[in-house]
Amino acid sequence: MPTTLTCTADADARIKLPKKFANAKVVVQIQPAKTSVTPTRKGAAKSRFVEELITRLSDADRDRFLQLLDSPPKPNAALKKAMAKYRASHG
């Protein structure tokens, strides 16, 4: 599960990461902050960090994964129910 961290850059556009991100591959997504009435937040930008987790598959697991991509199984009852619930709430 990716880790999400939101922080604000300082006046020199620097950000400080927790030590758990040392030597980790980090993806930075810049999202402009909404303008607010608080002067300290006006024009600020928020940065979101997602820690990438890499899982290595065995040859057999890789082959099974690729097989499922080529020939996905038919939806079961639980998936059909979830799809119906999603469509009812999202149109």
C-alpha atoms as a PDB file:
ATOM      1  CA  MET A   1       0.000   0.000   0.000  1.00  0.00           C
ATOM      2  CA  PRO A   2       1.518   3.353  -0.988  1.00  0.00           C
ATOM      3  CA  THR A   3       2.282   5.863   1.738  1.00  0.00           C
ATOM      4  CA  THR A   4       0.880   9.362   1.216  1.00  0.00           C
ATOM      5  CA  LEU A   5       2.493  12.352   2.899  1.00  0.00           C
ATOM      6  CA  THR A   6       1.327  15.931   2.455  1.00  0.00           C
ATOM      7  CA  CYS A   7       3.706  18.772   3.272  1.00  0.00           C
ATOM      8  CA  THR A   8       4.365  22.383   2.325  1.00  0.00           C
ATOM      9  CA  ALA A   9       7.526  23.705   0.737  1.00  0.00           C
ATOM     10  CA  ASP A  10       9.393  26.491   2.556  1.00  0.00           C
ATOM     11  CA  ALA A  11      10.140  29.936   1.075  1.00  0.00           C
ATOM     12  CA  ASP A  12      13.079  28.455  -0.880  1.00  0.00           C
ATOM     13  CA  ALA A  13      10.874  25.646  -2.319  1.00  0.00           C
ATOM     14  CA  ARG A  14      12.536  23.046  -0.077  1.00  0.00           C
ATOM     15  CA  ILE A  15      10.757  20.186   1.596  1.00  0.00           C
ATOM     16  CA  LYS A  16      11.898  17.995   4.471  1.00  0.00           C
ATOM     17  CA  LEU A  17      11.104  14.290   4.342  1.00  0.00           C
ATOM     18  CA  PRO A  18      10.957  11.870   7.274  1.00  0.00           C
ATOM     19  CA  LYS A  19      13.954   9.540   7.629  1.00  0.00           C
ATOM     20  CA  LYS A  20      11.873   6.579   6.396  1.00  0.00           C
ATOM     21  CA  PHE A  21      12.213   8.057   2.887  1.00  0.00           C
ATOM     22  CA  ALA A  22      16.042   7.924   2.961  1.00  0.00           C
ATOM     23  CA  ASN A  23      17.369   6.136  -0.133  1.00  0.00           C
ATOM     24  CA  ALA A  24      13.821   5.586  -1.390  1.00  0.00           C
ATOM     25  CA  LYS A  25      12.425   6.383  -4.808  1.00  0.00           C
ATOM     26  CA  VAL A  26       9.935   9.214  -4.276  1.00  0.00           C
ATOM     27  CA  VAL A  27       7.330  10.500  -6.728  1.00  0.00           C
ATOM     28  CA  VAL A  28       6.322  14.133  -6.177  1.00  0.00           C
ATOM     29  CA  GLN A  29       2.932  15.322  -7.379  1.00  0.00           C
ATOM     30  CA  ILE A  30       2.474  19.092  -7.143  1.00  0.00           C
ATOM     31  CA  GLN A  31      -1.080  20.255  -6.595  1.00  0.00           C
ATOM     32  CA  PRO A  32      -1.913  23.945  -6.298  1.00  0.00           C
ATOM     33  CA  ALA A  33      -3.601  24.737  -3.002  1.00  0.00           C
ATOM     34  CA  LYS A  34      -7.014  26.326  -2.940  1.00  0.00           C
ATOM     35  CA  THR A  35      -6.912  30.041  -2.245  1.00  0.00           C
ATOM     36  CA  SER A  36      -7.983  30.749   1.303  1.00  0.00           C
ATOM     37  CA  VAL A  37      -8.574  33.814   3.441  1.00  0.00           C
ATOM     38  CA  THR A  38      -5.534  33.019   5.575  1.00  0.00           C
ATOM     39  CA  PRO A  39      -2.590  35.059   4.178  1.00  0.00           C
ATOM     40  CA  THR A  40      -0.050  32.360   5.073  1.00  0.00           C
ATOM     41  CA  ARG A  41      -1.832  29.847   2.841  1.00  0.00           C
ATOM     42  CA  LYS A  42      -2.516  32.102  -0.145  1.00  0.00           C
ATOM     43  CA  GLY A  43      -0.613  30.938  -3.210  1.00  0.00           C
ATOM     44  CA  ALA A  44       1.023  28.055  -1.329  1.00  0.00           C
ATOM     45  CA  ALA A  45       1.433  24.684  -2.982  1.00  0.00           C
ATOM     46  CA  LYS A  46       0.963  21.275  -1.412  1.00  0.00           C
ATOM     47  CA  SER A  47       3.168  18.348  -2.348  1.00  0.00           C
ATOM     48  CA  ARG A  48       2.082  14.753  -2.012  1.00  0.00           C
ATOM     49  CA  PHE A  49       4.598  11.956  -1.681  1.00  0.00           C
ATOM     50  CA  VAL A  50       3.920   8.366  -2.541  1.00  0.00           C
ATOM     51  CA  GLU A  51       6.371   5.742  -1.399  1.00  0.00           C
ATOM     52  CA  GLU A  52       6.784   3.124  -4.097  1.00  0.00           C
ATOM     53  CA  LEU A  53       6.738  -0.470  -2.971  1.00  0.00           C
ATOM     54  CA  ILE A  54       8.228  -3.050  -5.314  1.00  0.00           C
ATOM     55  CA  THR A  55       7.140  -6.678  -5.202  1.00  0.00           C
ATOM     56  CA  ARG A  56       9.200  -9.228  -7.063  1.00  0.00           C
ATOM     57  CA  LEU A  57       7.210 -12.105  -8.527  1.00  0.00           C
ATOM     58  CA  SER A  58       8.403 -15.643  -9.018  1.00  0.00           C
ATOM     59  CA  ASP A  59       8.416 -16.903 -12.607  1.00  0.00           C
ATOM     60  CA  ALA A  60       5.234 -18.902 -11.938  1.00  0.00           C
ATOM     61  CA  ASP A  61       3.465 -15.881 -10.378  1.00  0.00           C
ATOM     62  CA  ARG A  62       4.553 -13.672 -13.280  1.00  0.00           C
ATOM     63  CA  ASP A  63       3.237 -16.188 -15.810  1.00  0.00           C
ATOM     64  CA  ARG A  64      -0.093 -16.474 -13.948  1.00  0.00           C
ATOM     65  CA  PHE A  65      -0.409 -12.679 -13.773  1.00  0.00           C
ATOM     66  CA  LEU A  66       0.210 -12.309 -17.510  1.00  0.00           C
ATOM     67  CA  GLN A  67      -2.233 -15.138 -18.227  1.00  0.00           C
ATOM     68  CA  LEU A  68      -4.945 -13.363 -16.223  1.00  0.00           C
ATOM     69  CA  LEU A  69      -4.301 -10.146 -18.148  1.00  0.00           C
ATOM     70  CA  ASP A  70      -4.724 -12.000 -21.441  1.00  0.00           C
ATOM     71  CA  SER A  71      -7.807 -13.970 -20.304  1.00  0.00           C
ATOM     72  CA  PRO A  72      -9.460 -12.332 -17.301  1.00  0.00           C
ATOM     73  CA  PRO A  73     -12.002 -14.433 -15.380  1.00  0.00           C
ATOM     74  CA  LYS A  74     -15.708 -13.624 -15.596  1.00  0.00           C
ATOM     75  CA  PRO A  75     -17.000 -11.309 -12.828  1.00  0.00           C
ATOM     76  CA  ASN A  76     -18.257 -13.194  -9.775  1.00  0.00           C
ATOM     77  CA  ALA A  77     -21.346 -12.301  -7.719  1.00  0.00           C
ATOM     78  CA  ALA A  78     -19.420 -10.061  -5.301  1.00  0.00           C
ATOM     79  CA  LEU A  79     -17.922  -8.010  -8.141  1.00  0.00           C
ATOM     80  CA  LYS A  80     -21.294  -7.692  -9.888  1.00  0.00           C
ATOM     81  CA  LYS A  81     -22.855  -6.473  -6.628  1.00  0.00           C
ATOM     82  CA  ALA A  82     -20.053  -3.951  -6.098  1.00  0.00           C
ATOM     83  CA  MET A  83     -20.387  -2.691  -9.681  1.00  0.00           C
ATOM     84  CA  ALA A  84     -24.157  -2.239  -9.253  1.00  0.00           C
ATOM     85  CA  LYS A  85     -23.623  -0.340  -5.991  1.00  0.00           C
ATOM     86  CA  TYR A  86     -21.004   1.898  -7.616  1.00  0.00           C
ATOM     87  CA  ARG A  87     -23.204   2.642 -10.633  1.00  0.00           C
ATOM     88  CA  ALA A  88     -26.167   3.463  -8.360  1.00  0.00           C
ATOM     89  CA  SER A  89     -24.141   6.011  -6.415  1.00  0.00           C
ATOM     90  CA  HIS A  90     -22.046   7.429  -9.285  1.00  0.00           C
ATOM     91  CA  GLY A  91     -24.389   7.203 -12.254  1.00  0.00           C
END
